[in-house]
PDB file of N, CA and C in Angstrom:
ATOM      1  N   MET A   1     -17.188  -2.085-131.904  1.00  0.00           N
ATOM      2  CA  MET A   1     -16.771  -1.690-133.210  1.00  0.00           C
ATOM      3  C   MET A   1     -16.588  -0.203-133.235  1.00  0.00           C
ATOM      4  N   ASP A   2     -15.546   0.119-133.759  1.00  0.00           N
ATOM      5  CA  ASP A   2     -15.529   1.594-134.012  1.00  0.00           C
ATOM      6  C   ASP A   2     -16.514   2.060-135.385  1.00  0.00           C
ATOM      7  N   LEU A   3     -16.906   3.379-134.798  1.00  0.00           N
ATOM      8  CA  LEU A   3     -17.768   4.305-135.862  1.00  0.00           C
ATOM      9  C   LEU A   3     -17.198   4.082-137.391  1.00  0.00           C
ATOM     10  N   GLY A   4     -15.953   3.917-137.445  1.00  0.00           N
ATOM     11  CA  GLY A   4     -15.202   3.882-139.030  1.00  0.00           C
ATOM     12  C   GLY A   4     -15.314   2.932-139.276  1.00  0.00           C
ATOM     13  N   GLU A   5     -15.357   1.624-138.793  1.00  0.00           N
ATOM     14  CA  GLU A   5     -15.590   0.548-139.311  1.00  0.00           C
ATOM     15  C   GLU A   5     -17.221  -0.541-140.022  1.00  0.00           C
ATOM     16  N   ILE A   6     -18.126   0.693-139.681  1.00  0.00           N
ATOM     17  CA  ILE A   6     -19.402   0.389-139.886  1.00  0.00           C
ATOM     18  C   ILE A   6     -19.636   1.454-141.152  1.00  0.00           C
ATOM     19  N   ASN A   7     -20.024   0.425-142.163  1.00  0.00           N
ATOM     20  CA  ASN A   7     -20.085   1.246-143.719  1.00  0.00           C
ATOM     21  C   ASN A   7     -21.557   1.052-144.373  1.00  0.00           C
ATOM     22  N   ASP A   8     -22.490   1.601-143.186  1.00  0.00           N
ATOM     23  CA  ASP A   8     -23.475   1.784-143.793  1.00  0.00           C
ATOM     24  C   ASP A   8     -24.278   3.314-143.479  1.00  0.00           C
ATOM     25  N   GLU A   9     -25.456   3.411-144.032  1.00  0.00           N
ATOM     26  CA  GLU A   9     -26.030   4.886-144.020  1.00  0.00           C
ATOM     27  C   GLU A   9     -26.621   5.315-142.431  1.00  0.00           C
ATOM     28  N   PHE A  10     -26.619   4.056-141.724  1.00  0.00           N
ATOM     29  CA  PHE A  10     -27.176   4.332-139.913  1.00  0.00           C
ATOM     30  C   PHE A  10     -26.130   4.318-139.147  1.00  0.00           C
ATOM     31  N   ALA A  11     -25.112   4.592-139.453  1.00  0.00           N
ATOM     32  CA  ALA A  11     -23.943   4.802-138.437  1.00  0.00           C
ATOM     33  C   ALA A  11     -23.840   5.849-138.023  1.00  0.00           C
ATOM     34  N   TYR A  12     -24.192   5.891-136.721  1.00  0.00           N
ATOM     35  CA  TYR A  12     -23.663   7.004-135.614  1.00  0.00           C
ATOM     36  C   TYR A  12     -23.595   6.509-134.273  1.00  0.00           C
ATOM     37  N   PRO A  13     -22.857   7.327-133.632  1.00  0.00           N
ATOM     38  CA  PRO A  13     -22.247   6.915-132.389  1.00  0.00           C
ATOM     39  C   PRO A  13     -23.623   7.045-130.995  1.00  0.00           C
ATOM     40  N   MET A  14     -23.570   5.854-130.520  1.00  0.00           N
ATOM     41  CA  MET A  14     -24.509   6.024-129.082  1.00  0.00           C
ATOM     42  C   MET A  14     -23.813   6.274-127.982  1.00  0.00           C
ATOM     43  N   LYS A  15     -24.608   6.888-127.025  1.00  0.00           N
ATOM     44  CA  LYS A  15     -23.961   7.386-125.991  1.00  0.00           C
ATOM     45  C   LYS A  15     -25.171   6.944-124.827  1.00  0.00           C
ATOM     46  N   THR A  16     -24.536   6.872-123.537  1.00  0.00           N
ATOM     47  CA  THR A  16     -25.569   6.803-122.501  1.00  0.00           C
ATOM     48  C   THR A  16     -26.144   7.825-121.929  1.00  0.00           C
ATOM     49  N   ILE A  17     -27.001   8.025-121.989  1.00  0.00           N
ATOM     50  CA  ILE A  17     -27.757   9.493-121.271  1.00  0.00           C
ATOM     51  C   ILE A  17     -28.046   9.131-119.780  1.00  0.00           C
ATOM     52  N   PHE A  18     -27.069  10.353-118.971  1.00  0.00           N
ATOM     53  CA  PHE A  18     -27.020  10.361-117.781  1.00  0.00           C
ATOM     54  C   PHE A  18     -28.493  10.282-117.089  1.00  0.00           C
ATOM     55  N   GLN A  19     -29.305  10.827-117.430  1.00  0.00           N
ATOM     56  CA  GLN A  19     -30.579  11.169-116.817  1.00  0.00           C
ATOM     57  C   GLN A  19     -31.187   9.760-117.259  1.00  0.00           C
ATOM     58  N   LEU A  20     -31.032   8.769-117.950  1.00  0.00           N
ATOM     59  CA  LEU A  20     -31.458   7.390-118.217  1.00  0.00           C
ATOM     60  C   LEU A  20     -30.965   6.364-117.517  1.00  0.00           C
ATOM     61  N   SER A  21     -29.641   6.678-116.880  1.00  0.00           N
ATOM     62  CA  SER A  21     -28.941   5.615-116.366  1.00  0.00           C
ATOM     63  C   SER A  21     -29.620   4.787-115.304  1.00  0.00           C
ATOM     64  N   ASN A  22     -30.436   5.177-114.407  1.00  0.00           N
ATOM     65  CA  ASN A  22     -31.406   4.527-113.521  1.00  0.00           C
ATOM     66  C   ASN A  22     -32.196   3.635-114.083  1.00  0.00           C
ATOM     67  N   TYR A  23     -32.677   3.584-115.538  1.00  0.00           N
ATOM     68  CA  TYR A  23     -33.377   2.667-116.032  1.00  0.00           C
ATOM     69  C   TYR A  23     -32.893   1.645-117.042  1.00  0.00           C
ATOM     70  N   ILE A  24     -31.652   1.708-117.051  1.00  0.00           N
ATOM     71  CA  ILE A  24     -31.170   0.673-117.952  1.00  0.00           C
ATOM     72  C   ILE A  24     -31.139  -0.554-117.253  1.00  0.00           C
ATOM     73  N   GLY A  25     -31.967  -1.636-118.227  1.00  0.00           N
ATOM     74  CA  GLY A  25     -32.402  -2.923-117.703  1.00  0.00           C
ATOM     75  C   GLY A  25     -33.607  -3.087-116.817  1.00  0.00           C
ATOM     76  N   LYS A  26     -34.044  -1.880-116.722  1.00  0.00           N
ATOM     77  CA  LYS A  26     -35.254  -1.919-115.785  1.00  0.00           C
ATOM     78  C   LYS A  26     -36.344  -2.430-116.930  1.00  0.00           C
ATOM     79  N   LYS A  27     -37.445  -2.865-116.232  1.00  0.00           N
ATOM     80  CA  LYS A  27     -38.713  -3.388-116.935  1.00  0.00           C
ATOM     81  C   LYS A  27     -39.601  -1.879-117.103  1.00  0.00           C
ATOM     82  N   ILE A  28     -40.237  -1.819-118.285  1.00  0.00           N
ATOM     83  CA  ILE A  28     -41.275  -0.877-118.589  1.00  0.00           C
ATOM     84  C   ILE A  28     -42.765  -1.397-118.357  1.00  0.00           C
ATOM     85  N   VAL A  29     -43.373  -0.886-117.478  1.00  0.00           N
ATOM     86  CA  VAL A  29     -44.718  -1.506-117.152  1.00  0.00           C
ATOM     87  C   VAL A  29     -45.858  -0.513-117.569  1.00  0.00           C
ATOM     88  N   ASN A  30     -45.755   0.546-118.174  1.00  0.00           N
ATOM     89  CA  ASN A  30     -46.804   1.435-118.979  1.00  0.00           C
ATOM     90  C   ASN A  30     -46.158   2.366-119.679  1.00  0.00           C
ATOM     91  N   ILE A  31     -46.616   2.950-120.854  1.00  0.00           N
ATOM     92  CA  ILE A  31     -46.555   3.989-121.413  1.00  0.00           C
ATOM     93  C   ILE A  31     -47.624   5.191-121.455  1.00  0.00           C
ATOM     94  N   TYR A  32     -47.483   6.453-121.549  1.00  0.00           N
ATOM     95  CA  TYR A  32     -48.538   7.291-121.272  1.00  0.00           C
ATOM     96  C   TYR A  32     -48.072   8.686-122.259  1.00  0.00           C
ATOM     97  N   GLU A  33     -49.077   9.206-122.948  1.00  0.00           N
ATOM     98  CA  GLU A  33     -48.510  10.270-123.603  1.00  0.00           C
ATOM     99  C   GLU A  33     -49.087  11.722-122.762  1.00  0.00           C
ATOM    100  N   TYR A  34     -48.045  12.661-122.544  1.00  0.00           N
ATOM    101  CA  TYR A  34     -48.850  13.882-122.295  1.00  0.00           C
ATOM    102  C   TYR A  34     -49.765  14.696-123.135  1.00  0.00           C
ATOM    103  N   LYS A  35     -50.681  14.773-123.054  1.00  0.00           N
ATOM    104  CA  LYS A  35     -51.887  15.277-123.870  1.00  0.00           C
ATOM    105  C   LYS A  35     -52.485  16.533-123.540  1.00  0.00           C
ATOM    106  N   ILE A  36     -52.348  17.590-124.535  1.00  0.00           N
ATOM    107  CA  ILE A  36     -52.888  18.871-124.012  1.00  0.00           C
ATOM    108  C   ILE A  36     -54.538  18.913-124.054  1.00  0.00           C
ATOM    109  N   LYS A  37     -55.033  19.138-122.945  1.00  0.00           N
ATOM    110  CA  LYS A  37     -56.500  18.957-122.668  1.00  0.00           C
ATOM    111  C   LYS A  37     -57.532  19.361-123.567  1.00  0.00           C
ATOM    112  N   SER A  38     -57.250  20.845-124.183  1.00  0.00           N
ATOM    113  CA  SER A  38     -58.159  21.247-125.237  1.00  0.00           C
ATOM    114  C   SER A  38     -58.003  21.040-126.661  1.00  0.00           C
ATOM    115  N   VAL A  39     -56.669  20.434-126.811  1.00  0.00           N
ATOM    116  CA  VAL A  39     -56.044  20.019-128.346  1.00  0.00           C
ATOM    117  C   VAL A  39     -56.244  18.276-128.741  1.00  0.00           C
ATOM    118  N   GLU A  40     -57.168  17.908-129.703  1.00  0.00           N
ATOM    119  CA  GLU A  40     -57.391  16.438-129.860  1.00  0.00           C
ATOM    120  C   GLU A  40     -56.086  15.872-129.995  1.00  0.00           C
ATOM    121  N   ASN A  41     -55.010  16.460-130.824  1.00  0.00           N
ATOM    122  CA  ASN A  41     -54.142  15.614-131.278  1.00  0.00           C
ATOM    123  C   ASN A  41     -53.021  16.563-130.632  1.00  0.00           C
ATOM    124  N   GLY A  42     -53.042  16.863-129.228  1.00  0.00           N
ATOM    125  CA  GLY A  42     -51.981  17.610-128.546  1.00  0.00           C
ATOM    126  C   GLY A  42     -51.336  16.663-127.933  1.00  0.00           C
ATOM    127  N   CYS A  43     -50.326  15.900-128.485  1.00  0.00           N
ATOM    128  CA  CYS A  43     -49.354  15.154-127.699  1.00  0.00           C
ATOM    129  C   CYS A  43     -48.210  15.984-127.691  1.00  0.00           C
ATOM    130  N   ILE A  44     -47.704  16.248-126.349  1.00  0.00           N
ATOM    131  CA  ILE A  44     -46.291  16.707-126.590  1.00  0.00           C
ATOM    132  C   ILE A  44     -45.106  16.066-125.434  1.00  0.00           C
ATOM    133  N   GLY A  45     -45.549  14.774-125.323  1.00  0.00           N
ATOM    134  CA  GLY A  45     -44.345  14.074-124.628  1.00  0.00           C
ATOM    135  C   GLY A  45     -44.849  12.511-124.176  1.00  0.00           C
ATOM    136  N   THR A  46     -44.020  12.031-123.816  1.00  0.00           N
ATOM    137  CA  THR A  46     -44.259  10.713-123.150  1.00  0.00           C
ATOM    138  C   THR A  46     -43.784  10.276-121.960  1.00  0.00           C
ATOM    139  N   TYR A  47     -44.552   9.680-121.284  1.00  0.00           N
ATOM    140  CA  TYR A  47     -43.921   8.949-119.990  1.00  0.00           C
ATOM    141  C   TYR A  47     -43.781   7.634-119.936  1.00  0.00           C
ATOM    142  N   PHE A  48     -42.662   7.200-119.504  1.00  0.00           N
ATOM    143  CA  PHE A  48     -42.412   5.735-119.461  1.00  0.00           C
ATOM    144  C   PHE A  48     -42.401   5.402-117.786  1.00  0.00           C
ATOM    145  N   GLU A  49     -43.380   4.614-117.813  1.00  0.00           N
ATOM    146  CA  GLU A  49     -43.350   4.153-116.186  1.00  0.00           C
ATOM    147  C   GLU A  49     -42.326   2.904-116.100  1.00  0.00           C
ATOM    148  N   CYS A  50     -41.690   2.628-115.340  1.00  0.00           N
ATOM    149  CA  CYS A  50     -40.664   1.627-115.262  1.00  0.00           C
ATOM    150  C   CYS A  50     -41.070   0.821-113.732  1.00  0.00           C
ATOM    151  N   ASP A  51     -40.558  -0.151-113.281  1.00  0.00           N
ATOM    152  CA  ASP A  51     -40.669  -0.979-111.895  1.00  0.00           C
ATOM    153  C   ASP A  51     -40.096  -0.200-110.908  1.00  0.00           C
ATOM    154  N   VAL A  52     -39.209   0.574-111.264  1.00  0.00           N
ATOM    155  CA  VAL A  52     -38.516   1.348-110.338  1.00  0.00           C
ATOM    156  C   VAL A  52     -38.838   2.853-110.204  1.00  0.00           C
ATOM    157  N   GLY A  53     -39.929   3.646-111.123  1.00  0.00           N
ATOM    158  CA  GLY A  53     -40.196   4.772-111.145  1.00  0.00           C
ATOM    159  C   GLY A  53     -40.440   5.090-112.717  1.00  0.00           C
ATOM    160  N   GLY A  54     -40.210   6.192-113.172  1.00  0.00           N
ATOM    161  CA  GLY A  54     -40.440   6.929-114.361  1.00  0.00           C
ATOM    162  C   GLY A  54     -39.814   7.902-114.958  1.00  0.00           C
ATOM    163  N   PHE A  55     -39.687   7.913-116.157  1.00  0.00           N
ATOM    164  CA  PHE A  55     -39.123   9.248-116.888  1.00  0.00           C
ATOM    165  C   PHE A  55     -40.080   9.729-118.090  1.00  0.00           C
ATOM    166  N   SER A  56     -39.719  10.948-118.271  1.00  0.00           N
ATOM    167  CA  SER A  56     -40.385  11.914-119.444  1.00  0.00           C
ATOM    168  C   SER A  56     -39.456  12.453-120.441  1.00  0.00           C
ATOM    169  N   ILE A  57     -40.102  12.061-121.629  1.00  0.00           N
ATOM    170  CA  ILE A  57     -39.443  12.429-122.789  1.00  0.00           C
ATOM    171  C   ILE A  57     -40.394  13.566-123.438  1.00  0.00           C
ATOM    172  N   LEU A  58     -39.882  14.985-123.401  1.00  0.00           N
ATOM    173  CA  LEU A  58     -40.856  16.095-123.939  1.00  0.00           C
ATOM    174  C   LEU A  58     -40.192  17.011-124.985  1.00  0.00           C
ATOM    175  N   GLU A  59     -41.148  17.263-125.707  1.00  0.00           N
ATOM    176  CA  GLU A  59     -40.806  18.250-126.792  1.00  0.00           C
ATOM    177  C   GLU A  59     -41.406  19.477-126.514  1.00  0.00           C
ATOM    178  N   GLU A  60     -40.507  20.512-126.588  1.00  0.00           N
ATOM    179  CA  GLU A  60     -40.761  21.849-126.419  1.00  0.00           C
ATOM    180  C   GLU A  60     -39.837  22.648-127.201  1.00  0.00           C
ATOM    181  N   ASN A  61     -40.683  23.558-128.354  1.00  0.00           N
ATOM    182  CA  ASN A  61     -39.905  24.529-129.378  1.00  0.00           C
ATOM    183  C   ASN A  61     -39.017  23.563-129.970  1.00  0.00           C
ATOM    184  N   GLY A  62     -39.492  22.546-130.468  1.00  0.00           N
ATOM    185  CA  GLY A  62     -38.528  21.517-131.297  1.00  0.00           C
ATOM    186  C   GLY A  62     -37.326  20.897-131.056  1.00  0.00           C
ATOM    187  N   CYS A  63     -37.275  21.064-129.533  1.00  0.00           N
ATOM    188  CA  CYS A  63     -36.183  20.319-128.629  1.00  0.00           C
ATOM    189  C   CYS A  63     -36.728  19.403-127.821  1.00  0.00           C
ATOM    190  N   LEU A  64     -36.142  18.244-127.778  1.00  0.00           N
ATOM    191  CA  LEU A  64     -36.386  17.174-126.736  1.00  0.00           C
ATOM    192  C   LEU A  64     -35.837  17.465-125.678  1.00  0.00           C
ATOM    193  N   SER A  65     -36.565  16.837-124.457  1.00  0.00           N
ATOM    194  CA  SER A  65     -35.883  16.924-123.011  1.00  0.00           C
ATOM    195  C   SER A  65     -36.237  15.753-122.355  1.00  0.00           C
ATOM    196  N   ILE A  66     -35.233  15.438-121.580  1.00  0.00           N
ATOM    197  CA  ILE A  66     -35.686  14.077-120.667  1.00  0.00           C
ATOM    198  C   ILE A  66     -35.603  14.613-119.238  1.00  0.00           C
ATOM    199  N   VAL A  67     -36.646  14.108-118.483  1.00  0.00           N
ATOM    200  CA  VAL A  67     -36.946  14.429-117.051  1.00  0.00           C
ATOM    201  C   VAL A  67     -37.215  13.248-116.621  1.00  0.00           C
ATOM    202  N   ASN A  68     -36.419  13.131-115.251  1.00  0.00           N
ATOM    203  CA  ASN A  68     -36.991  11.990-114.047  1.00  0.00           C
ATOM    204  C   ASN A  68     -38.060  12.249-113.519  1.00  0.00           C
ATOM    205  N   GLY A  69     -38.750  11.217-113.666  1.00  0.00           N
ATOM    206  CA  GLY A  69     -40.357  11.469-113.208  1.00  0.00           C
ATOM    207  C   GLY A  69     -41.187  11.996-113.911  1.00  0.00           C
ATOM    208  N   LEU A  70     -42.520  12.525-113.340  1.00  0.00           N
ATOM    209  CA  LEU A  70     -43.348  13.014-113.761  1.00  0.00           C
ATOM    210  C   LEU A  70     -42.938  14.546-114.317  1.00  0.00           C
ATOM    211  N   TYR A  71     -43.521  15.370-115.272  1.00  0.00           N
ATOM    212  CA  TYR A  71     -42.935  16.794-115.538  1.00  0.00           C
ATOM    213  C   TYR A  71     -44.674  17.332-115.175  1.00  0.00           C
ATOM    214  N   ASP A  72     -44.562  18.695-114.270  1.00  0.00           N
ATOM    215  CA  ASP A  72     -45.688  19.462-114.132  1.00  0.00           C
ATOM    216  C   ASP A  72     -45.379  20.926-114.372  1.00  0.00           C
ATOM    217  N   GLY A  73     -44.458  21.152-115.182  1.00  0.00           N
ATOM    218  CA  GLY A  73     -44.201  22.463-115.315  1.00  0.00           C
ATOM    219  C   GLY A  73     -44.577  23.076-116.887  1.00  0.00           C
ATOM    220  N   PHE A  74     -45.755  22.464-117.345  1.00  0.00           N
ATOM    221  CA  PHE A  74     -46.547  22.719-118.599  1.00  0.00           C
ATOM    222  C   PHE A  74     -47.246  24.035-118.481  1.00  0.00           C
ATOM    223  N   LYS A  75     -47.098  24.655-119.427  1.00  0.00           N
ATOM    224  CA  LYS A  75     -48.064  26.062-119.547  1.00  0.00           C
ATOM    225  C   LYS A  75     -49.548  26.090-119.798  1.00  0.00           C
ATOM    226  N   GLU A  76     -49.676  24.786-120.428  1.00  0.00           N
ATOM    227  CA  GLU A  76     -51.254  24.274-121.050  1.00  0.00           C
ATOM    228  C   GLU A  76     -51.642  23.494-119.610  1.00  0.00           C
ATOM    229  N   GLU A  77     -52.962  23.249-119.911  1.00  0.00           N
ATOM    230  CA  GLU A  77     -53.339  21.898-118.974  1.00  0.00           C
ATOM    231  C   GLU A  77     -53.361  20.914-119.664  1.00  0.00           C
ATOM    232  N   VAL A  78     -52.704  19.794-118.911  1.00  0.00           N
ATOM    233  CA  VAL A  78     -52.118  18.735-119.710  1.00  0.00           C
ATOM    234  C   VAL A  78     -52.495  17.410-118.987  1.00  0.00           C
ATOM    235  N   PHE A  79     -52.998  16.447-119.236  1.00  0.00           N
ATOM    236  CA  PHE A  79     -53.331  15.060-118.721  1.00  0.00           C
ATOM    237  C   PHE A  79     -52.459  13.857-119.348  1.00  0.00           C
ATOM    238  N   LEU A  80     -52.554  12.840-118.325  1.00  0.00           N
ATOM    239  CA  LEU A  80     -51.636  11.359-119.126  1.00  0.00           C
ATOM    240  C   LEU A  80     -52.514  10.691-119.759  1.00  0.00           C
ATOM    241  N   TYR A  81     -52.305  10.257-120.922  1.00  0.00           N
ATOM    242  CA  TYR A  81     -53.428   9.354-121.431  1.00  0.00           C
ATOM    243  C   TYR A  81     -52.384   7.993-121.808  1.00  0.00           C
ATOM    244  N   GLU A  82     -52.914   6.672-121.191  1.00  0.00           N
ATOM    245  CA  GLU A  82     -52.276   5.413-121.202  1.00  0.00           C
ATOM    246  C   GLU A  82     -52.421   5.108-122.730  1.00  0.00           C
ATOM    247  N   ILE A  83     -51.188   4.776-123.374  1.00  0.00           N
ATOM    248  CA  ILE A  83     -51.046   4.456-124.396  1.00  0.00           C
ATOM    249  C   ILE A  83     -50.634   2.814-124.857  1.00  0.00           C
ATOM    250  N   ASP A  84     -50.270   2.402-123.470  1.00  0.00           N
ATOM    251  CA  ASP A  84     -49.589   0.755-123.856  1.00  0.00           C
ATOM    252  C   ASP A  84     -49.333   0.829-122.433  1.00  0.00           C
ATOM    253  N   LYS A  85     -49.862  -0.812-122.235  1.00  0.00           N
ATOM    254  CA  LYS A  85     -49.777  -1.455-120.697  1.00  0.00           C
ATOM    255  C   LYS A  85     -48.890  -2.801-121.015  1.00  0.00           C
ATOM    256  N   PHE A  86     -47.990  -3.076-120.159  1.00  0.00           N
ATOM    257  CA  PHE A  86     -47.282  -4.072-120.364  1.00  0.00           C
ATOM    258  C   PHE A  86     -47.893  -5.214-119.252  1.00  0.00           C
ATOM    259  N   ASN A  87     -48.375  -6.242-119.524  1.00  0.00           N
ATOM    260  CA  ASN A  87     -48.446  -7.206-118.927  1.00  0.00           C
ATOM    261  C   ASN A  87     -47.530  -8.330-118.036  1.00  0.00           C
ATOM    262  N   SER A  88     -46.401  -8.322-118.939  1.00  0.00           N
ATOM    263  CA  SER A  88     -45.591  -9.667-118.629  1.00  0.00           C
ATOM    264  C   SER A  88     -44.570  -9.329-118.081  1.00  0.00           C
TER     265      SER A  88
END
């Protein structure tokens, strides 16, 4: 369907993100938050573990970044906190 044919407030183009192309159709097995060690509500990103590896979605200065694998370039001390586990 062409974008001009959609008549609702949620119409926006969808594109494949190159960094995530290896994960299309793959199973997500765990989801983790990147948490700042000294801050109680210090989540600065999410790591999605798939059955073929994983990817990170990070927030820095109001912008989102996508990184293949785990990210280790934080300025603060950060740890991974498991927020969901998929058993099926």
